[in-house]
N, C-alpha and C. Protein backbone atom coordinates (compact mmCIF):
# COMPACT_ATOMS: atom_id res chain seq x y z
N MET A 1 11.25 -3.05 -16.94
CA MET A 1 9.91 -2.75 -16.62
C MET A 1 8.92 -1.86 -17.68
N PHE A 2 7.78 -2.20 -18.08
CA PHE A 2 7.08 -1.44 -19.01
C PHE A 2 5.62 -0.80 -18.37
N ALA A 3 5.28 0.57 -18.87
CA ALA A 3 3.88 0.81 -18.23
C ALA A 3 2.99 1.45 -19.32
N ARG A 4 2.05 1.37 -19.12
CA ARG A 4 0.80 1.81 -20.19
C ARG A 4 -0.16 2.93 -19.02
N ILE A 5 -0.30 4.02 -19.95
CA ILE A 5 -1.10 5.29 -19.25
C ILE A 5 -1.94 5.43 -19.71
N ALA A 6 -3.13 5.25 -19.33
CA ALA A 6 -4.61 5.58 -20.03
C ALA A 6 -5.46 6.48 -19.46
N ARG A 7 -5.36 7.65 -20.01
CA ARG A 7 -6.40 8.91 -19.35
C ARG A 7 -7.59 9.06 -19.63
N PHE A 8 -8.48 9.66 -18.66
CA PHE A 8 -10.05 9.47 -19.00
C PHE A 8 -10.36 10.91 -18.30
N GLU A 9 -11.35 11.40 -19.18
CA GLU A 9 -11.90 12.68 -18.56
C GLU A 9 -13.67 12.72 -18.88
N GLY A 10 -13.80 13.50 -18.02
CA GLY A 10 -15.47 13.76 -18.03
C GLY A 10 -16.37 12.57 -16.85
N GLY A 11 -15.44 12.47 -16.22
CA GLY A 11 -16.09 11.36 -14.96
C GLY A 11 -16.87 12.04 -13.76
N LYS A 12 -17.40 11.36 -13.37
CA LYS A 12 -18.13 11.90 -12.25
C LYS A 12 -17.58 10.99 -10.57
N GLY A 13 -17.36 11.99 -9.73
CA GLY A 13 -16.95 11.25 -8.58
C GLY A 13 -17.40 9.68 -8.02
N GLY A 14 -18.62 10.17 -8.13
CA GLY A 14 -19.28 8.71 -7.50
C GLY A 14 -18.92 7.75 -8.33
N ASP A 15 -18.87 7.79 -9.67
CA ASP A 15 -18.71 6.34 -10.75
C ASP A 15 -17.27 6.52 -10.79
N ILE A 16 -16.64 7.15 -10.67
CA ILE A 16 -15.22 6.88 -10.33
C ILE A 16 -14.84 6.00 -9.09
N GLU A 17 -15.28 6.47 -7.96
CA GLU A 17 -15.39 5.85 -7.01
C GLU A 17 -15.74 4.21 -7.06
N ALA A 18 -16.95 3.97 -7.47
CA ALA A 18 -17.38 2.99 -7.90
C ALA A 18 -16.80 1.89 -8.68
N GLU A 19 -16.06 2.35 -9.84
CA GLU A 19 -15.32 1.58 -10.75
C GLU A 19 -13.96 1.14 -9.97
N THR A 20 -13.13 2.05 -9.13
CA THR A 20 -12.03 1.66 -8.28
C THR A 20 -12.56 0.90 -7.67
N ARG A 21 -13.68 0.83 -6.82
CA ARG A 21 -14.06 -0.44 -5.73
C ARG A 21 -14.28 -1.55 -6.47
N ASP A 22 -14.78 -1.50 -7.73
CA ASP A 22 -15.00 -2.69 -8.76
C ASP A 22 -13.65 -3.46 -8.73
N MET A 23 -12.85 -2.65 -9.16
CA MET A 23 -11.29 -3.06 -9.52
C MET A 23 -10.88 -3.76 -8.48
N ARG A 24 -11.07 -3.11 -7.31
CA ARG A 24 -10.22 -3.34 -5.71
C ARG A 24 -10.87 -4.81 -5.51
N LYS A 25 -12.20 -5.00 -5.46
CA LYS A 25 -12.78 -6.51 -5.44
C LYS A 25 -12.27 -7.65 -6.30
N ASP A 26 -12.04 -7.08 -7.52
CA ASP A 26 -11.49 -8.20 -8.45
C ASP A 26 -10.16 -8.79 -8.05
N ILE A 27 -9.46 -7.45 -7.70
CA ILE A 27 -7.86 -7.49 -7.24
C ILE A 27 -7.66 -8.54 -5.87
N GLU A 28 -8.79 -8.39 -5.10
CA GLU A 28 -8.62 -9.24 -3.68
C GLU A 28 -9.40 -10.72 -4.23
N ALA A 29 -10.18 -10.90 -5.17
CA ALA A 29 -10.82 -12.16 -5.59
C ALA A 29 -9.46 -12.96 -5.78
N PHE A 30 -8.71 -12.09 -6.92
CA PHE A 30 -7.68 -12.92 -7.56
C PHE A 30 -6.66 -13.47 -6.46
N ARG A 31 -6.39 -12.81 -5.53
CA ARG A 31 -5.34 -12.65 -4.39
C ARG A 31 -6.07 -14.12 -3.80
N ARG A 32 -7.15 -14.01 -3.60
CA ARG A 32 -7.58 -15.31 -2.90
C ARG A 32 -7.79 -16.74 -3.62
N GLY A 33 -7.68 -16.51 -5.02
CA GLY A 33 -7.26 -17.51 -5.82
C GLY A 33 -9.13 -17.86 -6.90
N GLU A 34 -9.50 -16.56 -6.72
CA GLU A 34 -10.92 -16.61 -7.63
C GLU A 34 -10.88 -15.75 -8.74
N GLU A 35 -11.47 -16.14 -9.65
CA GLU A 35 -11.86 -15.41 -10.64
C GLU A 35 -12.60 -13.88 -10.62
N GLY A 36 -12.26 -13.10 -11.07
CA GLY A 36 -13.22 -11.65 -11.02
C GLY A 36 -13.78 -11.47 -12.21
N THR A 37 -14.18 -10.48 -12.22
CA THR A 37 -15.11 -10.21 -13.43
C THR A 37 -14.27 -9.34 -14.48
N TYR A 38 -13.30 -8.77 -14.34
CA TYR A 38 -12.11 -8.58 -15.28
C TYR A 38 -11.52 -9.36 -15.87
N MET A 39 -11.05 -9.37 -17.32
CA MET A 39 -10.27 -10.37 -18.08
C MET A 39 -9.59 -11.33 -17.13
N PRO A 40 -9.45 -12.65 -16.93
CA PRO A 40 -8.72 -13.07 -16.08
C PRO A 40 -6.98 -12.90 -16.35
N GLU A 41 -6.95 -12.95 -17.81
CA GLU A 41 -5.55 -13.08 -18.48
C GLU A 41 -4.90 -11.70 -17.97
N LEU A 42 -5.53 -10.60 -17.86
CA LEU A 42 -4.60 -9.40 -16.96
C LEU A 42 -4.08 -9.99 -15.95
N SER A 43 -4.61 -10.61 -15.08
CA SER A 43 -3.62 -10.67 -13.50
C SER A 43 -2.42 -11.56 -14.00
N ARG A 44 -2.09 -12.21 -15.14
CA ARG A 44 -0.95 -12.86 -15.25
C ARG A 44 -0.11 -12.00 -16.19
N LEU A 45 -0.51 -11.05 -16.78
CA LEU A 45 0.08 -9.83 -17.50
C LEU A 45 1.03 -8.41 -16.73
N VAL A 46 0.03 -8.06 -15.75
CA VAL A 46 0.16 -6.87 -15.15
C VAL A 46 0.56 -7.09 -13.64
N SER A 47 1.83 -6.51 -13.19
CA SER A 47 2.12 -6.64 -12.13
C SER A 47 1.71 -5.68 -11.17
N ARG A 48 1.35 -4.55 -11.44
CA ARG A 48 1.23 -3.61 -10.62
C ARG A 48 0.17 -2.49 -11.19
N LEU A 49 -0.45 -1.99 -10.81
CA LEU A 49 -1.79 -1.17 -10.89
C LEU A 49 -1.70 0.34 -10.17
N GLU A 50 -1.80 1.36 -10.89
CA GLU A 50 -2.30 2.63 -10.09
C GLU A 50 -3.19 3.32 -10.92
N ILE A 51 -4.32 3.78 -10.18
CA ILE A 51 -5.06 4.60 -10.23
C ILE A 51 -4.90 6.34 -9.91
N PHE A 52 -4.73 7.27 -10.85
CA PHE A 52 -4.76 8.64 -9.94
C PHE A 52 -6.31 9.25 -10.30
N ALA A 53 -7.05 10.04 -9.27
CA ALA A 53 -8.47 10.48 -9.94
C ALA A 53 -8.27 11.81 -9.54
N ASP A 54 -8.79 12.88 -10.12
CA ASP A 54 -9.14 14.06 -9.91
C ASP A 54 -10.51 14.31 -9.93
N ARG A 55 -11.22 14.11 -8.88
CA ARG A 55 -12.43 14.24 -8.41
C ARG A 55 -13.62 15.62 -9.14
N GLN A 56 -12.53 16.26 -8.66
CA GLN A 56 -13.46 17.89 -9.47
C GLN A 56 -13.16 17.85 -10.33
N SER A 57 -12.55 17.54 -11.27
CA SER A 57 -12.23 17.68 -12.72
C SER A 57 -12.79 16.75 -13.39
N GLY A 58 -12.97 15.22 -12.88
CA GLY A 58 -13.13 14.18 -13.41
C GLY A 58 -12.55 13.45 -14.41
N SER A 59 -11.19 13.51 -13.84
CA SER A 59 -10.30 12.94 -14.88
C SER A 59 -9.31 11.72 -13.87
N VAL A 60 -8.89 10.86 -14.90
CA VAL A 60 -8.30 9.70 -14.10
C VAL A 60 -7.46 9.30 -15.36
N ALA A 61 -6.34 8.51 -14.35
CA ALA A 61 -4.98 8.01 -15.05
C ALA A 61 -5.07 6.99 -14.51
N ALA A 62 -4.61 6.08 -15.47
CA ALA A 62 -4.42 4.56 -14.86
C ALA A 62 -3.51 3.92 -15.53
N ILE A 63 -2.52 3.39 -14.73
CA ILE A 63 -1.52 2.96 -15.06
C ILE A 63 -0.78 1.59 -14.93
N VAL A 64 -0.67 0.75 -15.49
CA VAL A 64 -0.29 -0.76 -15.17
C VAL A 64 0.82 -1.03 -15.77
N TYR A 65 1.73 -1.90 -14.77
CA TYR A 65 2.99 -1.92 -15.13
C TYR A 65 2.92 -3.37 -15.62
N CYS A 66 4.14 -4.00 -16.85
CA CYS A 66 4.39 -5.31 -17.17
C CYS A 66 5.88 -5.42 -17.08
N GLU A 67 6.26 -6.47 -16.82
CA GLU A 67 7.72 -6.98 -16.83
C GLU A 67 8.34 -7.03 -18.25
N THR A 68 7.59 -7.03 -18.86
CA THR A 68 8.30 -7.27 -20.10
C THR A 68 7.38 -6.55 -21.19
N GLU A 69 7.96 -6.09 -22.58
CA GLU A 69 7.13 -5.32 -23.72
C GLU A 69 6.72 -6.32 -24.02
N GLU A 70 6.73 -7.56 -24.26
CA GLU A 70 5.66 -8.31 -24.83
C GLU A 70 4.28 -8.47 -23.89
N GLN A 71 4.70 -8.75 -22.71
CA GLN A 71 3.30 -8.72 -21.75
C GLN A 71 2.71 -7.29 -22.27
N LEU A 72 3.64 -6.36 -22.16
CA LEU A 72 2.82 -4.79 -22.17
C LEU A 72 1.64 -4.55 -23.21
N ARG A 73 2.28 -5.52 -24.60
CA ARG A 73 1.78 -5.18 -25.60
C ARG A 73 0.48 -6.17 -25.73
N GLU A 74 0.33 -7.21 -24.95
CA GLU A 74 -0.71 -8.17 -24.79
C GLU A 74 -1.70 -7.20 -23.91
N ALA A 75 -1.20 -6.97 -22.91
CA ALA A 75 -2.04 -6.14 -21.78
C ALA A 75 -2.74 -4.82 -22.78
N ASP A 76 -2.01 -4.05 -23.39
CA ASP A 76 -2.39 -2.88 -24.28
C ASP A 76 -3.59 -3.48 -25.25
N ARG A 77 -3.59 -4.59 -26.00
CA ARG A 77 -4.48 -5.27 -26.62
C ARG A 77 -5.79 -5.51 -25.72
N ILE A 78 -5.53 -6.14 -24.54
CA ILE A 78 -7.25 -6.36 -23.87
C ILE A 78 -7.56 -5.12 -23.42
N LEU A 79 -6.64 -4.10 -22.88
CA LEU A 79 -7.42 -3.17 -22.49
C LEU A 79 -7.87 -2.07 -23.48
N ASP A 80 -7.60 -2.20 -24.67
CA ASP A 80 -8.08 -1.32 -25.58
C ASP A 80 -9.47 -2.12 -26.07
N SER A 81 -9.64 -3.18 -25.95
CA SER A 81 -10.79 -3.60 -26.09
C SER A 81 -11.96 -3.48 -24.79
N MET A 82 -11.64 -3.14 -23.51
CA MET A 82 -12.60 -2.78 -22.61
C MET A 82 -12.81 -1.77 -22.41
N SER A 83 -14.18 -1.01 -21.58
CA SER A 83 -14.62 0.23 -21.37
C SER A 83 -14.76 0.15 -19.81
N PRO A 84 -14.45 1.20 -19.02
CA PRO A 84 -15.34 0.98 -17.97
C PRO A 84 -16.61 0.54 -17.52
N ARG A 85 -16.65 -0.32 -16.77
CA ARG A 85 -18.16 -0.69 -16.52
C ARG A 85 -19.25 0.19 -15.89
N ASN A 86 -18.73 1.41 -15.38
CA ASN A 86 -19.88 2.85 -14.79
C ASN A 86 -19.64 3.69 -16.22
N ALA A 87 -20.90 3.76 -16.47
CA ALA A 87 -20.62 4.99 -17.88
C ALA A 87 -20.14 6.12 -17.43
N ASP A 88 -20.37 6.74 -16.16
CA ASP A 88 -20.09 8.28 -16.16
C ASP A 88 -18.41 8.01 -15.70
N TRP A 89 -17.70 7.10 -15.59
CA TRP A 89 -16.34 7.02 -15.37
C TRP A 89 -15.39 8.11 -16.05
N GLY A 90 -16.20 8.39 -17.44
CA GLY A 90 -15.41 9.28 -18.21
C GLY A 90 -14.91 8.38 -19.67
N GLN A 91 -14.86 9.26 -20.60
CA GLN A 91 -14.12 8.55 -21.86
C GLN A 91 -12.88 8.41 -21.83
N ARG A 92 -12.07 7.61 -22.25
CA ARG A 92 -10.41 7.41 -22.85
C ARG A 92 -10.14 8.62 -23.45
N VAL A 93 -9.33 9.52 -23.11
CA VAL A 93 -8.34 10.67 -24.06
C VAL A 93 -7.24 10.18 -24.76
N SER A 94 -6.32 9.44 -23.77
CA SER A 94 -5.20 8.87 -24.80
C SER A 94 -4.73 7.91 -23.92
N VAL A 95 -3.80 7.18 -24.88
CA VAL A 95 -3.30 5.63 -24.04
C VAL A 95 -1.91 5.86 -24.62
N ASP A 96 -0.65 6.07 -23.80
CA ASP A 96 0.47 5.90 -23.98
C ASP A 96 1.51 4.78 -23.31
N THR A 97 2.35 4.32 -23.94
CA THR A 97 3.19 3.35 -23.22
C THR A 97 4.61 3.72 -23.21
N TYR A 98 5.51 3.24 -22.19
CA TYR A 98 6.56 3.79 -21.96
C TYR A 98 7.58 2.64 -21.18
N GLU A 99 8.56 2.61 -21.62
CA GLU A 99 9.73 1.60 -20.96
C GLU A 99 10.02 2.45 -19.70
N VAL A 100 10.00 1.92 -18.39
CA VAL A 100 10.39 2.27 -17.00
C VAL A 100 11.74 2.34 -17.03
N VAL A 101 12.32 3.69 -16.86
CA VAL A 101 13.60 3.78 -17.32
C VAL A 101 14.65 4.08 -15.65
N LEU A 102 13.61 4.34 -14.91
CA LEU A 102 13.92 4.94 -13.24
C LEU A 102 12.71 4.52 -12.18
N ASP A 103 12.87 3.91 -11.32
CA ASP A 103 11.50 3.39 -10.43
C ASP A 103 12.33 3.41 -8.94
N GLU A 104 12.62 4.72 -8.46
CA GLU A 104 13.29 4.45 -6.97
C GLU A 104 12.24 5.40 -6.10
N THR A 105 12.35 5.08 -4.86
CA THR A 105 11.90 5.61 -3.81
C THR A 105 12.69 6.15 -2.99
N THR A 106 12.45 7.74 -2.79
CA THR A 106 13.52 8.45 -2.27
C THR A 106 12.73 9.19 -0.87
N ALA A 107 13.31 9.59 0.15
CA ALA A 107 13.31 9.88 1.13
C ALA A 107 13.29 11.38 1.01
N LEU A 108 12.03 11.92 1.50
CA LEU A 108 12.12 13.35 1.10
C LEU A 108 12.57 14.35 2.45
N ARG A 109 14.07 13.82 2.96
CA ARG A 109 14.65 14.41 4.00
C ARG A 109 15.95 14.07 3.65
N ARG A 110 17.00 14.68 4.13
CA ARG A 110 18.45 14.46 4.01
C ARG A 110 18.63 13.98 5.34
N VAL A 111 19.79 12.89 4.84
CA VAL A 111 20.39 12.09 5.95
C VAL A 111 21.42 12.92 6.47
N ALA A 112 21.32 12.98 8.10
CA ALA A 112 22.16 13.94 8.83
C ALA A 112 23.86 13.18 8.88
């Protein structure tokens, strides 16, 4: 599995919320078999999406996961050409790609 992490800074809380709400609507439309407003080819490339926000500082980290490196390269090309729809979502300050070498969920308690 591979991941692309894009960081944004300078956003405003309400616009961060509006952008993620729009993304959620598109994802729900895709699940119903409809086409959203985001580029539809992303839905065939990305297997998972996570958005982390610090509303106080206006920072956002968006992580997309792809099963193969080829899918990640294609998703990266598409995402590089996009901008947030809400102007005050912030400016992209970095993009990094990684191979996911560990993806485990652990309980935060000891087994008796």
